[in-house]
């Protein structure tokens, strides 16, 4: 497993994992599960606190705010196209 998204840092499901929890990996079914009851996960989620930003300026801060999750390409959100497709080559002068 290279990466799980959404990341635990932003409150993804694996933010709730604690030492000693059993995790089930089923490669053929492409599943990764924390073997903890729904009630316990709800309790942990209610107690979860978002970590403070590590960086307040510069590239680190820009990365924290604008880099998308792995399942969305790990690209800066402001570099994404708006969905339109350009046709042909640009005019060269």
N, C-alpha and C. Protein backbone atom coordinates (compact mmCIF):
# COMPACT_ATOMS: atom_id res chain seq x y z
N UNK A 1 0.87 -1.17 0.00
CA UNK A 1 0.00 0.00 0.00
C UNK A 1 0.91 1.22 0.00
N UNK A 2 0.80 2.01 -1.05
CA UNK A 2 1.63 3.20 -1.13
C UNK A 2 0.99 4.40 -0.45
N UNK A 3 -0.31 4.54 -0.64
CA UNK A 3 -0.95 5.74 -0.12
C UNK A 3 -2.43 5.46 0.10
N UNK A 4 -2.97 6.06 1.13
CA UNK A 4 -4.39 5.97 1.44
C UNK A 4 -4.94 7.39 1.47
N UNK A 5 -6.06 7.60 0.80
CA UNK A 5 -6.67 8.93 0.78
C UNK A 5 -8.14 8.82 1.16
N UNK A 6 -8.73 9.79 1.83
CA UNK A 6 -8.08 11.02 2.25
C UNK A 6 -7.12 10.78 3.41
N UNK A 7 -6.12 11.61 3.49
CA UNK A 7 -5.08 11.44 4.49
C UNK A 7 -5.61 11.68 5.90
N UNK A 8 -4.95 11.04 6.83
CA UNK A 8 -5.35 11.19 8.22
C UNK A 8 -5.16 12.63 8.70
N UNK A 9 -4.20 13.34 8.13
CA UNK A 9 -3.93 14.72 8.56
C UNK A 9 -5.15 15.62 8.42
N UNK A 10 -5.98 15.35 7.41
CA UNK A 10 -7.16 16.20 7.20
C UNK A 10 -8.42 15.56 7.79
N UNK A 11 -8.24 14.52 8.59
CA UNK A 11 -9.39 13.91 9.24
C UNK A 11 -9.95 12.71 8.51
N UNK A 12 -9.18 12.15 7.58
CA UNK A 12 -9.61 10.93 6.90
C UNK A 12 -9.77 9.80 7.90
N UNK A 13 -10.35 8.68 7.46
CA UNK A 13 -10.63 7.58 8.39
C UNK A 13 -9.42 7.10 9.18
N UNK A 14 -8.25 7.15 8.60
CA UNK A 14 -7.08 6.64 9.31
C UNK A 14 -6.54 7.62 10.36
N UNK A 15 -7.16 8.79 10.47
CA UNK A 15 -6.82 9.68 11.58
C UNK A 15 -7.31 9.09 12.89
N UNK A 16 -8.23 8.15 12.80
CA UNK A 16 -8.85 7.56 13.99
C UNK A 16 -8.14 6.30 14.46
N UNK A 17 -7.15 5.84 13.70
CA UNK A 17 -6.43 4.61 14.06
C UNK A 17 -5.54 4.89 15.27
N UNK A 18 -5.52 3.92 16.18
CA UNK A 18 -4.69 4.03 17.37
C UNK A 18 -3.77 2.81 17.45
N UNK A 19 -2.68 2.96 18.20
CA UNK A 19 -1.77 1.84 18.41
C UNK A 19 -2.56 0.62 18.89
N UNK A 20 -2.27 -0.52 18.30
CA UNK A 20 -2.92 -1.76 18.70
C UNK A 20 -4.16 -2.12 17.89
N UNK A 21 -4.68 -1.17 17.09
CA UNK A 21 -5.84 -1.48 16.25
C UNK A 21 -5.44 -2.49 15.17
N UNK A 22 -6.33 -3.40 14.88
CA UNK A 22 -6.11 -4.36 13.80
C UNK A 22 -6.60 -3.73 12.50
N UNK A 23 -5.81 -3.92 11.44
CA UNK A 23 -6.16 -3.39 10.13
C UNK A 23 -6.15 -4.56 9.15
N UNK A 24 -7.22 -4.67 8.37
CA UNK A 24 -7.37 -5.74 7.40
C UNK A 24 -7.05 -5.20 6.01
N UNK A 25 -6.14 -5.88 5.30
CA UNK A 25 -5.78 -5.52 3.93
C UNK A 25 -6.18 -6.68 3.03
N UNK A 26 -7.11 -6.43 2.11
CA UNK A 26 -7.56 -7.42 1.15
C UNK A 26 -7.18 -6.92 -0.24
N UNK A 27 -6.01 -7.36 -0.73
CA UNK A 27 -5.49 -6.86 -2.00
C UNK A 27 -6.40 -7.21 -3.17
N UNK A 28 -6.85 -8.48 -3.32
CA UNK A 28 -7.70 -8.78 -4.47
C UNK A 28 -8.99 -7.95 -4.52
N UNK A 29 -9.57 -7.65 -3.34
CA UNK A 29 -10.80 -6.86 -3.28
C UNK A 29 -10.52 -5.35 -3.20
N UNK A 30 -9.23 -4.99 -3.11
CA UNK A 30 -8.82 -3.57 -3.02
C UNK A 30 -9.50 -2.87 -1.84
N UNK A 31 -9.42 -3.52 -0.67
CA UNK A 31 -10.04 -2.97 0.54
C UNK A 31 -9.02 -2.85 1.66
N UNK A 32 -9.16 -1.82 2.44
CA UNK A 32 -8.35 -1.58 3.61
C UNK A 32 -9.31 -1.15 4.71
N UNK A 33 -9.42 -1.94 5.77
CA UNK A 33 -10.41 -1.69 6.83
C UNK A 33 -9.76 -1.67 8.19
N UNK A 34 -10.20 -0.74 9.02
CA UNK A 34 -9.82 -0.72 10.42
C UNK A 34 -10.85 -1.58 11.15
N UNK A 35 -10.39 -2.58 11.86
CA UNK A 35 -11.30 -3.50 12.54
C UNK A 35 -11.64 -2.99 13.93
N UNK A 36 -12.39 -1.90 13.95
CA UNK A 36 -12.83 -1.25 15.17
C UNK A 36 -14.32 -0.98 15.00
N UNK A 37 -15.08 -1.11 16.06
CA UNK A 37 -16.53 -0.94 15.97
C UNK A 37 -16.90 0.47 15.52
N UNK A 38 -18.08 0.57 14.89
CA UNK A 38 -18.58 1.88 14.46
C UNK A 38 -18.76 2.83 15.64
N UNK A 39 -19.17 2.28 16.78
CA UNK A 39 -19.37 3.10 17.97
C UNK A 39 -18.05 3.71 18.45
N UNK A 40 -17.01 2.86 18.46
CA UNK A 40 -15.69 3.35 18.89
C UNK A 40 -15.15 4.38 17.92
N UNK A 41 -15.32 4.15 16.61
CA UNK A 41 -14.86 5.11 15.61
C UNK A 41 -15.61 6.44 15.76
N UNK A 42 -16.90 6.38 16.05
CA UNK A 42 -17.68 7.61 16.26
C UNK A 42 -17.17 8.36 17.48
N UNK A 43 -16.83 7.64 18.54
CA UNK A 43 -16.30 8.28 19.75
C UNK A 43 -14.97 8.96 19.43
N UNK A 44 -14.11 8.26 18.69
CA UNK A 44 -12.80 8.83 18.33
C UNK A 44 -12.96 10.05 17.43
N UNK A 45 -13.89 9.96 16.48
CA UNK A 45 -14.09 11.08 15.56
C UNK A 45 -14.57 12.32 16.32
N UNK A 46 -15.45 12.13 17.29
CA UNK A 46 -15.95 13.25 18.09
C UNK A 46 -14.83 13.89 18.90
N UNK A 47 -13.82 13.11 19.27
CA UNK A 47 -12.72 13.64 20.08
C UNK A 47 -11.55 14.13 19.23
N UNK A 48 -11.58 13.89 17.91
CA UNK A 48 -10.47 14.25 17.04
C UNK A 48 -10.33 15.76 16.93
N UNK A 49 -9.10 16.24 16.98
CA UNK A 49 -8.80 17.66 16.85
C UNK A 49 -7.85 17.82 15.67
N UNK A 50 -8.18 18.72 14.77
CA UNK A 50 -7.34 18.97 13.60
C UNK A 50 -5.97 19.48 14.06
N UNK A 51 -4.89 18.90 13.51
CA UNK A 51 -3.55 19.37 13.92
C UNK A 51 -3.32 20.82 13.48
N UNK A 52 -2.55 21.52 14.25
CA UNK A 52 -2.19 22.90 13.90
C UNK A 52 -1.31 22.89 12.66
N UNK A 53 -1.44 23.90 11.80
CA UNK A 53 -0.58 23.96 10.62
C UNK A 53 0.89 23.99 11.03
N UNK A 54 1.70 23.25 10.30
CA UNK A 54 3.13 23.19 10.61
C UNK A 54 3.85 24.43 10.08
N UNK A 55 3.36 24.95 8.96
CA UNK A 55 3.99 26.11 8.33
C UNK A 55 2.98 27.25 8.26
N UNK A 56 3.46 28.47 8.42
CA UNK A 56 2.58 29.63 8.34
C UNK A 56 2.82 30.47 7.09
N UNK A 57 3.92 30.20 6.38
CA UNK A 57 4.19 30.94 5.14
C UNK A 57 5.13 30.14 4.27
N UNK A 58 5.35 30.61 3.04
CA UNK A 58 6.27 29.97 2.13
C UNK A 58 5.68 28.73 1.47
N UNK A 59 6.60 27.93 0.87
CA UNK A 59 6.17 26.75 0.12
C UNK A 59 5.43 25.76 1.01
N UNK A 60 5.89 25.58 2.23
CA UNK A 60 5.23 24.63 3.13
C UNK A 60 3.77 24.99 3.37
N UNK A 61 3.50 26.26 3.61
CA UNK A 61 2.12 26.70 3.83
C UNK A 61 1.30 26.55 2.56
N UNK A 62 1.89 26.89 1.41
CA UNK A 62 1.18 26.75 0.14
C UNK A 62 0.86 25.27 -0.13
N UNK A 63 1.80 24.39 0.18
CA UNK A 63 1.59 22.95 -0.01
C UNK A 63 0.45 22.46 0.87
N UNK A 64 0.45 22.86 2.14
CA UNK A 64 -0.60 22.42 3.07
C UNK A 64 -1.99 22.82 2.61
N UNK A 65 -2.10 24.00 2.03
CA UNK A 65 -3.41 24.54 1.67
C UNK A 65 -3.85 24.10 0.27
N UNK A 66 -2.92 23.95 -0.67
CA UNK A 66 -3.31 23.80 -2.07
C UNK A 66 -3.02 22.45 -2.72
N UNK A 67 -2.21 21.58 -2.15
CA UNK A 67 -1.95 20.30 -2.80
C UNK A 67 -3.11 19.36 -2.49
N UNK A 68 -3.65 18.76 -3.56
CA UNK A 68 -4.81 17.88 -3.42
C UNK A 68 -4.38 16.49 -2.96
N UNK A 69 -5.34 15.69 -2.54
CA UNK A 69 -5.09 14.33 -2.09
C UNK A 69 -4.55 13.47 -3.24
N UNK A 70 -3.93 12.34 -2.88
CA UNK A 70 -3.31 11.46 -3.86
C UNK A 70 -4.30 10.96 -4.90
N UNK A 71 -5.52 10.65 -4.49
CA UNK A 71 -6.50 10.15 -5.45
C UNK A 71 -6.94 11.21 -6.44
N UNK A 72 -6.54 12.46 -6.21
CA UNK A 72 -6.84 13.55 -7.14
C UNK A 72 -5.57 14.06 -7.83
N UNK A 73 -4.47 13.33 -7.68
CA UNK A 73 -3.26 13.64 -8.43
C UNK A 73 -2.15 14.35 -7.70
N UNK A 74 -2.32 14.72 -6.45
CA UNK A 74 -1.28 15.41 -5.67
C UNK A 74 -0.80 16.68 -6.36
N UNK A 75 -1.65 17.30 -7.14
CA UNK A 75 -1.29 18.53 -7.85
C UNK A 75 -1.82 19.72 -7.07
N UNK A 76 -1.30 20.89 -7.38
CA UNK A 76 -1.85 22.10 -6.79
C UNK A 76 -3.25 22.33 -7.33
N UNK A 77 -4.20 22.63 -6.46
CA UNK A 77 -5.58 22.82 -6.90
C UNK A 77 -5.70 23.98 -7.89
N UNK A 78 -4.86 24.99 -7.77
CA UNK A 78 -4.96 26.15 -8.66
C UNK A 78 -4.37 25.90 -10.05
N UNK A 79 -3.77 24.72 -10.27
CA UNK A 79 -3.25 24.38 -11.59
C UNK A 79 -4.21 23.49 -12.40
N UNK A 80 -5.34 23.15 -11.81
CA UNK A 80 -6.31 22.29 -12.48
C UNK A 80 -7.03 23.06 -13.57
N UNK A 81 -7.29 22.36 -14.67
CA UNK A 81 -8.06 22.97 -15.76
C UNK A 81 -9.51 23.08 -15.35
N UNK A 82 -10.22 23.94 -16.02
CA UNK A 82 -11.64 24.16 -15.70
C UNK A 82 -12.55 23.18 -16.42
N UNK A 83 -11.99 22.19 -17.11
CA UNK A 83 -12.79 21.20 -17.81
C UNK A 83 -12.94 21.47 -19.29
N UNK A 84 -12.53 22.64 -19.74
CA UNK A 84 -12.61 22.93 -21.17
C UNK A 84 -11.42 22.31 -21.88
N UNK A 85 -11.63 21.94 -23.13
CA UNK A 85 -10.57 21.34 -23.92
C UNK A 85 -10.18 22.32 -25.02
N UNK A 86 -8.90 22.63 -25.09
CA UNK A 86 -8.43 23.52 -26.13
C UNK A 86 -8.30 22.72 -27.42
N UNK A 87 -8.66 23.33 -28.54
CA UNK A 87 -8.53 22.64 -29.81
C UNK A 87 -7.40 23.26 -30.61
N UNK A 88 -6.60 22.41 -31.24
CA UNK A 88 -5.53 22.88 -32.09
C UNK A 88 -4.34 23.39 -31.32
N UNK A 89 -3.38 23.85 -32.05
CA UNK A 89 -2.14 24.37 -31.48
C UNK A 89 -2.28 25.87 -31.25
N UNK A 90 -1.55 26.39 -30.27
CA UNK A 90 -1.61 27.86 -30.07
C UNK A 90 -0.95 28.58 -31.23
N UNK A 91 -1.38 29.79 -31.48
CA UNK A 91 -0.80 30.60 -32.55
C UNK A 91 0.61 31.02 -32.15
N UNK A 92 1.55 30.85 -33.06
CA UNK A 92 2.94 31.20 -32.80
C UNK A 92 3.29 32.48 -33.54
N UNK A 93 3.91 33.43 -32.85
CA UNK A 93 4.29 34.71 -33.47
C UNK A 93 5.78 34.85 -33.50
